Amino acid sequence: MLSLLAVGCPVCNKVVLVLLGTSGALTVWAPLQPWLGALSVGLLGVAAVRRLAGEIACPVPVRD
């Protein structure tokens, strides 16, 4: 969800534009977008590591 809000120009993001207005979107939201993008990528990385940790901790026995 954060990655959806982090992409695009602030004026094109309709939710931000409705909540903050045009000047608010440009002055408040534009500086936050790179941070939201980085946070989104970090959270996706944590989720992937946690998901793959279960695959490593619980191996499937191999039949010969």
Protein backbone atom coordinates (compact mmCIF):
# COMPACT_ATOMS: atom_id res chain seq x y z
CA MET A 1 0.00 0.00 0.00
CA LEU A 2 2.85 2.39 0.77
CA SER A 3 4.41 1.79 -2.62
CA LEU A 4 1.14 2.81 -4.24
CA LEU A 5 1.26 6.14 -2.41
CA ALA A 6 4.98 6.67 -3.02
CA VAL A 7 4.92 6.62 -6.82
CA GLY A 8 3.82 9.32 -9.21
CA CYS A 9 3.70 13.05 -8.86
CA PRO A 10 1.86 14.44 -5.82
CA VAL A 11 -0.68 16.20 -8.03
CA CYS A 12 -1.53 12.93 -9.83
CA ASN A 13 -2.21 11.11 -6.54
CA LYS A 14 -5.93 11.77 -6.11
CA VAL A 15 -6.12 10.72 -2.44
CA VAL A 16 -3.34 13.10 -1.41
CA LEU A 17 -4.73 15.84 -3.61
CA VAL A 18 -8.17 15.58 -2.00
CA LEU A 19 -6.77 15.46 1.55
CA LEU A 20 -4.07 18.14 1.26
CA GLY A 21 -4.99 20.25 -1.75
CA THR A 22 -2.61 21.18 -4.54
CA SER A 23 -0.23 23.32 -2.51
CA GLY A 24 -0.24 20.86 0.40
CA ALA A 25 0.48 17.98 -1.94
CA LEU A 26 3.46 19.78 -3.41
CA THR A 27 4.90 21.15 -0.16
CA VAL A 28 4.11 18.33 2.27
CA TRP A 29 3.72 15.14 0.26
CA ALA A 30 6.50 15.51 -2.33
CA PRO A 31 9.35 15.41 0.25
CA LEU A 32 7.78 12.35 1.94
CA GLN A 33 7.50 10.25 -1.22
CA PRO A 34 11.12 8.98 -1.31
CA TRP A 35 10.90 8.00 2.35
CA LEU A 36 7.63 6.13 1.78
CA GLY A 37 9.18 4.32 -1.18
CA ALA A 38 12.21 3.27 0.86
CA LEU A 39 10.01 2.19 3.76
CA SER A 40 7.86 0.16 1.39
CA VAL A 41 10.87 -1.62 -0.13
CA GLY A 42 12.25 -2.31 3.36
CA LEU A 43 8.98 -3.78 4.59
CA LEU A 44 8.69 -5.94 1.48
CA GLY A 45 12.23 -7.20 2.10
CA VAL A 46 11.44 -8.07 5.72
CA ALA A 47 8.29 -9.90 4.62
CA ALA A 48 10.25 -11.88 2.01
CA VAL A 49 12.94 -12.87 4.52
CA ARG A 50 10.36 -13.96 7.08
CA ARG A 51 8.47 -15.93 4.45
CA LEU A 52 11.59 -17.69 3.19
CA ALA A 53 12.81 -18.43 6.73
CA GLY A 54 9.92 -20.86 7.10
CA GLU A 55 10.96 -22.64 3.91
CA ILE A 56 14.50 -23.14 5.21
CA ALA A 57 13.49 -24.14 8.75
CA CYS A 58 11.03 -26.80 7.58
CA PRO A 59 12.66 -28.80 4.79
CA VAL A 60 10.66 -31.36 2.83
CA PRO A 61 12.09 -34.89 2.91
CA VAL A 62 13.35 -36.10 -0.47
CA ARG A 63 12.39 -39.57 -1.72
CA ASP A 64 14.98 -41.58 -3.58
